Amino acid sequence: MAAQSWNIGELKITEVIQFEGVEASRLVGDGTLPDATPEVVSAFHELKPLYVNEQNELLWAVRAYVVRTPDNRLILLDTCLGDDKHFPGQLQMW
């Protein structure tokens, strides 16, 4: 999916995608997202099709957002998991 941009009032928000589209089901089994089973995820209809696939699996993505203010200031909103946390299994790299 291509990066998206939105305008909210005088702010322009642009998505920055590092990677996306990896099914998060492998993260359920290793304990990172233990409650994100297809049965639980299926209740969140508003996430389809951008963030949940046909099998009701979350589509894992790493992204940030850049906010541009009217005076051309840039603010980076990092939505990732962050540093100094312990994650089991697949996310040990963080």
N, C-alpha and C. Protein backbone atom coordinates (compact mmCIF):
# COMPACT_ATOMS: atom_id res chain seq x y z
N MET A 1 0.83 -1.17 0.00
CA MET A 1 0.00 0.00 0.00
C MET A 1 0.88 1.24 0.00
N ALA A 2 0.50 2.22 -0.72
CA ALA A 2 1.26 3.47 -0.78
C ALA A 2 1.02 4.29 0.49
N ALA A 3 2.01 5.09 0.84
CA ALA A 3 1.87 5.97 2.00
C ALA A 3 0.71 6.93 1.77
N GLN A 4 0.04 7.27 2.85
CA GLN A 4 -1.12 8.15 2.76
C GLN A 4 -0.81 9.48 3.44
N SER A 5 -1.56 10.50 3.05
CA SER A 5 -1.47 11.81 3.70
C SER A 5 -2.88 12.29 4.02
N TRP A 6 -2.98 13.04 5.11
CA TRP A 6 -4.25 13.60 5.54
C TRP A 6 -4.04 15.04 5.94
N ASN A 7 -5.07 15.83 5.82
CA ASN A 7 -5.08 17.19 6.36
C ASN A 7 -6.08 17.23 7.50
N ILE A 8 -5.61 17.72 8.63
CA ILE A 8 -6.47 17.92 9.79
C ILE A 8 -6.30 19.38 10.19
N GLY A 9 -7.32 20.16 9.89
CA GLY A 9 -7.19 21.61 10.10
C GLY A 9 -6.05 22.12 9.23
N GLU A 10 -5.11 22.80 9.83
CA GLU A 10 -3.95 23.34 9.10
C GLU A 10 -2.76 22.41 9.12
N LEU A 11 -2.91 21.23 9.70
CA LEU A 11 -1.81 20.28 9.78
C LEU A 11 -1.88 19.30 8.61
N LYS A 12 -0.72 18.95 8.08
CA LYS A 12 -0.65 17.89 7.07
C LYS A 12 0.08 16.72 7.72
N ILE A 13 -0.54 15.55 7.67
CA ILE A 13 0.01 14.35 8.28
C ILE A 13 0.33 13.36 7.17
N THR A 14 1.57 12.89 7.15
CA THR A 14 2.02 11.96 6.13
C THR A 14 2.54 10.70 6.79
N GLU A 15 2.08 9.57 6.31
CA GLU A 15 2.50 8.27 6.81
C GLU A 15 3.86 7.92 6.22
N VAL A 16 4.75 7.37 7.03
CA VAL A 16 6.05 6.89 6.57
C VAL A 16 6.09 5.39 6.88
N ILE A 17 6.14 4.57 5.86
CA ILE A 17 6.07 3.12 6.04
C ILE A 17 7.48 2.53 5.97
N GLN A 18 7.86 1.79 7.03
CA GLN A 18 9.12 1.06 6.99
C GLN A 18 8.90 -0.31 6.39
N PHE A 19 7.95 -1.05 6.89
CA PHE A 19 7.48 -2.28 6.25
C PHE A 19 6.07 -2.55 6.73
N GLU A 20 5.33 -3.33 5.91
CA GLU A 20 3.96 -3.65 6.26
C GLU A 20 3.54 -4.92 5.57
N GLY A 21 2.39 -5.44 6.00
CA GLY A 21 1.79 -6.59 5.33
C GLY A 21 2.20 -7.92 5.88
N VAL A 22 3.01 -7.95 6.92
CA VAL A 22 3.40 -9.22 7.52
C VAL A 22 2.29 -9.66 8.45
N GLU A 23 1.78 -10.88 8.24
CA GLU A 23 0.72 -11.34 9.12
C GLU A 23 1.26 -11.48 10.54
N ALA A 24 0.53 -10.95 11.47
CA ALA A 24 0.95 -10.95 12.86
C ALA A 24 0.67 -12.27 13.55
N SER A 25 0.10 -13.25 12.84
CA SER A 25 -0.24 -14.52 13.48
C SER A 25 0.98 -15.20 14.07
N ARG A 26 2.14 -15.02 13.47
CA ARG A 26 3.34 -15.62 14.04
C ARG A 26 3.70 -14.97 15.37
N LEU A 27 3.25 -13.74 15.61
CA LEU A 27 3.53 -13.06 16.86
C LEU A 27 2.58 -13.49 17.96
N VAL A 28 1.43 -14.10 17.60
CA VAL A 28 0.50 -14.61 18.61
C VAL A 28 1.13 -15.82 19.29
N GLY A 29 1.69 -16.71 18.49
CA GLY A 29 2.26 -17.95 19.03
C GLY A 29 3.50 -17.75 19.87
N ASP A 30 4.25 -16.70 19.63
CA ASP A 30 5.48 -16.51 20.41
C ASP A 30 5.28 -15.63 21.63
N GLY A 31 4.05 -15.17 21.89
CA GLY A 31 3.76 -14.42 23.10
C GLY A 31 3.82 -12.92 22.97
N THR A 32 4.18 -12.39 21.79
CA THR A 32 4.27 -10.94 21.63
C THR A 32 2.89 -10.31 21.62
N LEU A 33 1.97 -10.90 20.88
CA LEU A 33 0.57 -10.43 20.83
C LEU A 33 -0.34 -11.61 21.13
N PRO A 34 -0.30 -12.13 22.35
CA PRO A 34 -0.99 -13.39 22.63
C PRO A 34 -2.50 -13.34 22.45
N ASP A 35 -3.12 -12.17 22.58
CA ASP A 35 -4.58 -12.08 22.48
C ASP A 35 -5.08 -11.71 21.09
N ALA A 36 -4.19 -11.53 20.14
CA ALA A 36 -4.59 -11.10 18.80
C ALA A 36 -4.90 -12.31 17.91
N THR A 37 -5.75 -13.18 18.40
CA THR A 37 -6.15 -14.35 17.62
C THR A 37 -7.17 -13.92 16.56
N PRO A 38 -7.33 -14.71 15.51
CA PRO A 38 -8.32 -14.37 14.48
C PRO A 38 -9.72 -14.19 15.07
N GLU A 39 -10.07 -14.96 16.11
CA GLU A 39 -11.39 -14.84 16.71
C GLU A 39 -11.58 -13.47 17.36
N VAL A 40 -10.56 -12.98 18.04
CA VAL A 40 -10.63 -11.67 18.69
C VAL A 40 -10.60 -10.56 17.65
N VAL A 41 -9.69 -10.68 16.70
CA VAL A 41 -9.50 -9.63 15.68
C VAL A 41 -10.74 -9.49 14.80
N SER A 42 -11.49 -10.57 14.58
CA SER A 42 -12.65 -10.51 13.70
C SER A 42 -13.72 -9.52 14.17
N ALA A 43 -13.72 -9.17 15.45
CA ALA A 43 -14.71 -8.24 15.98
C ALA A 43 -14.44 -6.78 15.58
N PHE A 44 -13.25 -6.49 15.10
CA PHE A 44 -12.86 -5.12 14.77
C PHE A 44 -13.01 -4.87 13.28
N HIS A 45 -14.26 -4.77 12.82
CA HIS A 45 -14.57 -4.64 11.39
C HIS A 45 -13.95 -3.40 10.76
N GLU A 46 -13.79 -2.33 11.54
CA GLU A 46 -13.26 -1.08 10.99
C GLU A 46 -11.79 -1.20 10.57
N LEU A 47 -11.12 -2.26 10.96
CA LEU A 47 -9.71 -2.44 10.60
C LEU A 47 -9.54 -3.09 9.22
N LYS A 48 -10.62 -3.65 8.67
CA LYS A 48 -10.54 -4.32 7.38
C LYS A 48 -10.74 -3.32 6.26
N PRO A 49 -10.10 -3.45 5.15
CA PRO A 49 -9.09 -4.42 4.76
C PRO A 49 -7.66 -3.92 4.98
N LEU A 50 -7.50 -2.70 5.47
CA LEU A 50 -6.15 -2.12 5.55
C LEU A 50 -5.28 -2.77 6.61
N TYR A 51 -5.87 -3.18 7.73
CA TYR A 51 -5.07 -3.66 8.85
C TYR A 51 -5.37 -5.09 9.26
N VAL A 52 -6.36 -5.71 8.62
CA VAL A 52 -6.73 -7.10 8.89
C VAL A 52 -7.03 -7.76 7.55
N ASN A 53 -6.50 -8.99 7.35
CA ASN A 53 -6.74 -9.68 6.08
C ASN A 53 -8.02 -10.51 6.13
N GLU A 54 -8.29 -11.25 5.06
CA GLU A 54 -9.52 -12.06 4.95
C GLU A 54 -9.58 -13.18 5.99
N GLN A 55 -8.42 -13.61 6.50
CA GLN A 55 -8.37 -14.67 7.51
C GLN A 55 -8.45 -14.11 8.93
N ASN A 56 -8.79 -12.82 9.05
CA ASN A 56 -8.88 -12.13 10.34
C ASN A 56 -7.55 -12.12 11.09
N GLU A 57 -6.47 -11.99 10.34
CA GLU A 57 -5.14 -11.85 10.92
C GLU A 57 -4.73 -10.38 10.82
N LEU A 58 -4.14 -9.87 11.89
CA LEU A 58 -3.61 -8.50 11.84
C LEU A 58 -2.51 -8.42 10.81
N LEU A 59 -2.45 -7.33 10.10
CA LEU A 59 -1.35 -7.07 9.18
C LEU A 59 -0.36 -6.17 9.90
N TRP A 60 0.73 -6.75 10.29
CA TRP A 60 1.75 -6.07 11.07
C TRP A 60 2.42 -5.01 10.21
N ALA A 61 2.65 -3.87 10.77
CA ALA A 61 3.31 -2.79 10.04
C ALA A 61 4.16 -1.98 11.00
N VAL A 62 5.24 -1.46 10.47
CA VAL A 62 6.07 -0.51 11.22
C VAL A 62 6.00 0.79 10.44
N ARG A 63 5.44 1.80 11.09
CA ARG A 63 5.27 3.08 10.41
C ARG A 63 5.39 4.21 11.41
N ALA A 64 5.60 5.38 10.88
CA ALA A 64 5.63 6.60 11.66
C ALA A 64 4.79 7.62 10.90
N TYR A 65 4.58 8.76 11.51
CA TYR A 65 3.83 9.83 10.86
C TYR A 65 4.60 11.13 11.00
N VAL A 66 4.62 11.90 9.93
CA VAL A 66 5.24 13.22 9.96
C VAL A 66 4.11 14.24 9.94
N VAL A 67 4.14 15.15 10.90
CA VAL A 67 3.15 16.22 10.98
C VAL A 67 3.84 17.52 10.56
N ARG A 68 3.29 18.18 9.56
CA ARG A 68 3.81 19.47 9.10
C ARG A 68 2.86 20.56 9.57
N THR A 69 3.40 21.52 10.32
CA THR A 69 2.59 22.61 10.84
C THR A 69 2.55 23.75 9.82
N PRO A 70 1.64 24.72 9.99
CA PRO A 70 1.55 25.84 9.05
C PRO A 70 2.85 26.64 8.93
N ASP A 71 3.66 26.66 9.98
CA ASP A 71 4.93 27.39 9.90
C ASP A 71 6.09 26.47 9.48
N ASN A 72 5.76 25.31 8.85
CA ASN A 72 6.70 24.35 8.28
C ASN A 72 7.57 23.63 9.31
N ARG A 73 7.11 23.54 10.53
CA ARG A 73 7.79 22.68 11.50
C ARG A 73 7.39 21.24 11.22
N LEU A 74 8.33 20.34 11.41
CA LEU A 74 8.06 18.92 11.21
C LEU A 74 8.14 18.20 12.55
N ILE A 75 7.14 17.38 12.82
CA ILE A 75 7.09 16.59 14.04
C ILE A 75 6.99 15.13 13.62
N LEU A 76 7.88 14.30 14.13
CA LEU A 76 7.86 12.87 13.82
C LEU A 76 7.15 12.14 14.96
N LEU A 77 6.07 11.43 14.62
CA LEU A 77 5.36 10.58 15.58
C LEU A 77 5.78 9.14 15.33
N ASP A 78 6.60 8.63 16.21
CA ASP A 78 7.09 7.27 16.08
C ASP A 78 6.12 6.34 16.80
N THR A 79 5.44 5.48 16.06
CA THR A 79 4.42 4.60 16.64
C THR A 79 4.93 3.21 16.92
N CYS A 80 6.22 3.01 16.85
CA CYS A 80 6.78 1.67 17.00
C CYS A 80 6.84 1.26 18.47
N LEU A 81 7.48 0.15 18.73
CA LEU A 81 7.52 -0.43 20.06
C LEU A 81 8.52 0.26 20.98
N GLY A 82 9.51 0.91 20.43
CA GLY A 82 10.46 1.65 21.26
C GLY A 82 11.61 0.80 21.77
N ASP A 83 12.51 1.46 22.46
CA ASP A 83 13.70 0.81 23.00
C ASP A 83 13.49 0.37 24.45
N ASP A 84 14.46 -0.37 24.92
CA ASP A 84 14.54 -0.77 26.33
C ASP A 84 13.33 -1.55 26.81
N LYS A 85 12.81 -2.41 25.95
CA LYS A 85 11.72 -3.29 26.34
C LYS A 85 12.13 -4.72 26.02
N HIS A 86 11.64 -5.66 26.77
CA HIS A 86 11.90 -7.06 26.48
C HIS A 86 10.70 -7.66 25.76
N PHE A 87 10.95 -8.25 24.58
CA PHE A 87 9.90 -8.92 23.84
C PHE A 87 10.36 -10.33 23.54
N PRO A 88 9.50 -11.31 23.73
CA PRO A 88 9.86 -12.69 23.42
C PRO A 88 9.84 -12.95 21.91
N GLY A 89 10.39 -14.06 21.52
CA GLY A 89 10.23 -14.56 20.17
C GLY A 89 10.75 -13.65 19.08
N GLN A 90 9.88 -13.41 18.08
CA GLN A 90 10.26 -12.71 16.85
C GLN A 90 10.77 -11.29 17.08
N LEU A 91 10.36 -10.65 18.15
CA LEU A 91 10.71 -9.24 18.33
C LEU A 91 11.92 -9.03 19.22
N GLN A 92 12.74 -10.03 19.41
CA GLN A 92 13.93 -9.87 20.23
C GLN A 92 14.88 -8.83 19.66
N MET A 93 14.78 -8.54 18.37
CA MET A 93 15.65 -7.56 17.74
C MET A 93 15.43 -6.18 18.30
N TRP A 94 14.25 -5.91 18.92
CA TRP A 94 14.00 -4.61 19.51
C TRP A 94 14.62 -4.57 20.88
